[in-house]
Amino acid sequence: MITALVILLTLQLTGTVLSRVTGLPVPGPVIGLVALFILLSVRSTIPANLSQTSQTLVDNLTLFFVPAGVGIVNHLKVLENNGGAIIVTLIASSALTITVTGMTFAGVSRLMNRL
């Protein structure tokens, strides 16, 4: 498990360094995730310890929402003052995301059917 965590954190750190050095507008963890995908694609198998560690992280993903919940409680006054704008923004951005995702899926689906 330690080896797998070292691999994941090294790829995240590499992505962060690459993002900052090159000035790419992409978060470092995303670059690290893409690097992990490429490495696993080349290898064509997922090592057992990496698979187990990743599954453990996903199983406990809800723990990552605790800091967000604490932040909400700490900033209730801001939410009271700007709650309406936040709700409208959340609804609009969700609708836009769903629309763009659907259109992208439809476009890729049509493209794949042509091949």
C-alpha atoms as a PDB file:
ATOM      1  CA  MET A   1       0.000   0.000   0.000  1.00  0.00           C
ATOM      2  CA  ILE A   2       2.861   2.385   0.791  1.00  0.00           C
ATOM      3  CA  THR A   3       4.431   1.770  -2.612  1.00  0.00           C
ATOM      4  CA  ALA A   4       1.170   2.541  -4.378  1.00  0.00           C
ATOM      5  CA  LEU A   5       0.689   5.745  -2.359  1.00  0.00           C
ATOM      6  CA  VAL A   6       4.238   6.795  -3.224  1.00  0.00           C
ATOM      7  CA  ILE A   7       3.488   6.202  -6.918  1.00  0.00           C
ATOM      8  CA  LEU A   8       0.251   8.206  -6.772  1.00  0.00           C
ATOM      9  CA  LEU A   9       1.768  11.086  -4.816  1.00  0.00           C
ATOM     10  CA  THR A  10       4.893  11.157  -7.018  1.00  0.00           C
ATOM     11  CA  LEU A  11       2.735  11.450 -10.132  1.00  0.00           C
ATOM     12  CA  GLN A  12       0.702  14.209  -8.486  1.00  0.00           C
ATOM     13  CA  LEU A  13       3.868  16.065  -7.485  1.00  0.00           C
ATOM     14  CA  THR A  14       5.329  15.628 -10.973  1.00  0.00           C
ATOM     15  CA  GLY A  15       2.134  16.995 -12.478  1.00  0.00           C
ATOM     16  CA  THR A  16       2.162  19.979 -10.130  1.00  0.00           C
ATOM     17  CA  VAL A  17       5.791  20.777 -10.915  1.00  0.00           C
ATOM     18  CA  LEU A  18       5.135  20.402 -14.639  1.00  0.00           C
ATOM     19  CA  SER A  19       2.078  22.641 -14.413  1.00  0.00           C
ATOM     20  CA  ARG A  20       3.942  25.383 -12.579  1.00  0.00           C
ATOM     21  CA  VAL A  21       7.126  25.206 -14.663  1.00  0.00           C
ATOM     22  CA  THR A  22       5.319  25.276 -18.011  1.00  0.00           C
ATOM     23  CA  GLY A  23       2.557  27.631 -16.892  1.00  0.00           C
ATOM     24  CA  LEU A  24      -0.142  25.273 -18.176  1.00  0.00           C
ATOM     25  CA  PRO A  25      -3.638  26.263 -17.025  1.00  0.00           C
ATOM     26  CA  VAL A  26      -4.258  22.664 -15.910  1.00  0.00           C
ATOM     27  CA  PRO A  27      -4.049  21.585 -12.252  1.00  0.00           C
ATOM     28  CA  GLY A  28      -1.057  19.424 -11.396  1.00  0.00           C
ATOM     29  CA  PRO A  29      -3.138  16.511 -10.077  1.00  0.00           C
ATOM     30  CA  VAL A  30      -4.940  16.334 -13.438  1.00  0.00           C
ATOM     31  CA  ILE A  31      -1.606  16.119 -15.266  1.00  0.00           C
ATOM     32  CA  GLY A  32      -0.518  13.417 -12.790  1.00  0.00           C
ATOM     33  CA  LEU A  33      -3.739  11.510 -13.423  1.00  0.00           C
ATOM     34  CA  VAL A  34      -3.186  11.661 -17.174  1.00  0.00           C
ATOM     35  CA  ALA A  35       0.381  10.419 -16.636  1.00  0.00           C
ATOM     36  CA  LEU A  36      -0.965   7.537 -14.532  1.00  0.00           C
ATOM     37  CA  PHE A  37      -3.460   6.688 -17.279  1.00  0.00           C
ATOM     38  CA  ILE A  38      -0.700   6.669 -19.894  1.00  0.00           C
ATOM     39  CA  LEU A  39       1.572   4.520 -17.727  1.00  0.00           C
ATOM     40  CA  LEU A  40      -1.194   2.011 -17.035  1.00  0.00           C
ATOM     41  CA  SER A  41      -2.197   1.964 -20.723  1.00  0.00           C
ATOM     42  CA  VAL A  42       1.352   1.176 -21.756  1.00  0.00           C
ATOM     43  CA  ARG A  43       1.615  -1.489 -19.066  1.00  0.00           C
ATOM     44  CA  SER A  44      -1.874  -2.833 -19.949  1.00  0.00           C
ATOM     45  CA  THR A  45      -2.378  -4.216 -16.428  1.00  0.00           C
ATOM     46  CA  ILE A  46      -2.992  -2.578 -13.077  1.00  0.00           C
ATOM     47  CA  PRO A  47      -0.694  -3.757 -10.277  1.00  0.00           C
ATOM     48  CA  ALA A  48      -2.657  -5.377  -7.455  1.00  0.00           C
ATOM     49  CA  ASN A  49      -1.333  -3.025  -4.772  1.00  0.00           C
ATOM     50  CA  LEU A  50      -2.222   0.046  -6.836  1.00  0.00           C
ATOM     51  CA  SER A  51      -5.699  -1.306  -7.509  1.00  0.00           C
ATOM     52  CA  GLN A  52      -6.282  -2.077  -3.824  1.00  0.00           C
ATOM     53  CA  THR A  53      -4.962   1.301  -2.661  1.00  0.00           C
ATOM     54  CA  SER A  54      -7.055   3.166  -5.235  1.00  0.00           C
ATOM     55  CA  GLN A  55     -10.165   1.256  -4.194  1.00  0.00           C
ATOM     56  CA  THR A  56      -9.499   2.075  -0.531  1.00  0.00           C
ATOM     57  CA  LEU A  57      -9.197   5.783  -1.408  1.00  0.00           C
ATOM     58  CA  VAL A  58     -12.443   5.692  -3.395  1.00  0.00           C
ATOM     59  CA  ASP A  59     -14.240   3.815  -0.593  1.00  0.00           C
ATOM     60  CA  ASN A  60     -13.283   6.588   1.846  1.00  0.00           C
ATOM     61  CA  LEU A  61     -13.870   9.486  -0.529  1.00  0.00           C
ATOM     62  CA  THR A  62     -16.637  10.895   1.665  1.00  0.00           C
ATOM     63  CA  LEU A  63     -14.000  11.899   4.227  1.00  0.00           C
ATOM     64  CA  PHE A  64     -12.807  14.553   1.772  1.00  0.00           C
ATOM     65  CA  PHE A  65     -16.139  16.361   2.211  1.00  0.00           C
ATOM     66  CA  VAL A  66     -15.550  16.975   5.935  1.00  0.00           C
ATOM     67  CA  PRO A  67     -13.348  20.072   5.353  1.00  0.00           C
ATOM     68  CA  ALA A  68     -15.967  21.455   2.956  1.00  0.00           C
ATOM     69  CA  GLY A  69     -18.659  20.978   5.594  1.00  0.00           C
ATOM     70  CA  VAL A  70     -16.542  22.744   8.210  1.00  0.00           C
ATOM     71  CA  GLY A  71     -15.945  25.602   5.763  1.00  0.00           C
ATOM     72  CA  ILE A  72     -19.670  25.987   5.185  1.00  0.00           C
ATOM     73  CA  VAL A  73     -20.363  26.136   8.906  1.00  0.00           C
ATOM     74  CA  ASN A  74     -17.551  28.671   9.415  1.00  0.00           C
ATOM     75  CA  HIS A  75     -18.879  30.945   6.647  1.00  0.00           C
ATOM     76  CA  LEU A  76     -22.630  30.805   7.285  1.00  0.00           C
ATOM     77  CA  LYS A  77     -22.821  34.610   7.252  1.00  0.00           C
ATOM     78  CA  VAL A  78     -21.445  34.710   3.699  1.00  0.00           C
ATOM     79  CA  LEU A  79     -23.978  32.077   2.675  1.00  0.00           C
ATOM     80  CA  GLU A  80     -26.784  34.115   4.217  1.00  0.00           C
ATOM     81  CA  ASN A  81     -25.730  37.217   2.271  1.00  0.00           C
ATOM     82  CA  ASN A  82     -25.027  35.485  -1.055  1.00  0.00           C
ATOM     83  CA  GLY A  83     -27.143  32.313  -0.862  1.00  0.00           C
ATOM     84  CA  GLY A  84     -29.444  33.232  -3.757  1.00  0.00           C
ATOM     85  CA  ALA A  85     -26.573  34.026  -6.111  1.00  0.00           C
ATOM     86  CA  ILE A  86     -24.769  30.834  -5.121  1.00  0.00           C
ATOM     87  CA  ILE A  87     -27.868  28.702  -5.771  1.00  0.00           C
ATOM     88  CA  VAL A  88     -28.493  30.324  -9.168  1.00  0.00           C
ATOM     89  CA  THR A  89     -24.834  29.847 -10.109  1.00  0.00           C
ATOM     90  CA  LEU A  90     -24.870  26.192  -9.026  1.00  0.00           C
ATOM     91  CA  ILE A  91     -28.027  25.456 -11.015  1.00  0.00           C
ATOM     92  CA  ALA A  92     -26.806  27.299 -14.122  1.00  0.00           C
ATOM     93  CA  SER A  93     -23.347  25.706 -14.055  1.00  0.00           C
ATOM     94  CA  SER A  94     -24.843  22.242 -13.511  1.00  0.00           C
ATOM     95  CA  ALA A  95     -27.246  22.715 -16.426  1.00  0.00           C
ATOM     96  CA  LEU A  96     -24.402  23.960 -18.630  1.00  0.00           C
ATOM     97  CA  THR A  97     -22.201  21.030 -17.643  1.00  0.00           C
ATOM     98  CA  ILE A  98     -24.947  18.505 -18.370  1.00  0.00           C
ATOM     99  CA  THR A  99     -25.684  20.149 -21.733  1.00  0.00           C
ATOM    100  CA  VAL A 100     -22.045  20.281 -22.831  1.00  0.00           C
ATOM    101  CA  THR A 101     -21.435  16.709 -21.665  1.00  0.00           C
ATOM    102  CA  GLY A 102     -24.496  15.472 -23.566  1.00  0.00           C
ATOM    103  CA  MET A 103     -23.509  17.322 -26.720  1.00  0.00           C
ATOM    104  CA  THR A 104     -19.940  16.001 -26.464  1.00  0.00           C
ATOM    105  CA  PHE A 105     -21.204  12.457 -25.993  1.00  0.00           C
ATOM    106  CA  ALA A 106     -23.559  12.773 -28.973  1.00  0.00           C
ATOM    107  CA  GLY A 107     -20.765  14.176 -31.150  1.00  0.00           C
ATOM    108  CA  VAL A 108     -18.290  11.466 -30.180  1.00  0.00           C
ATOM    109  CA  SER A 109     -20.965   8.813 -30.625  1.00  0.00           C
ATOM    110  CA  ARG A 110     -21.695  10.034 -34.165  1.00  0.00           C
ATOM    111  CA  LEU A 111     -17.987  10.176 -34.919  1.00  0.00           C
ATOM    112  CA  MET A 112     -17.454   6.618 -33.647  1.00  0.00           C
ATOM    113  CA  ASN A 113     -20.346   5.299 -35.726  1.00  0.00           C
ATOM    114  CA  ARG A 114     -18.727   6.737 -38.875  1.00  0.00           C
ATOM    115  CA  LEU A 115     -15.489   4.894 -38.233  1.00  0.00           C
END
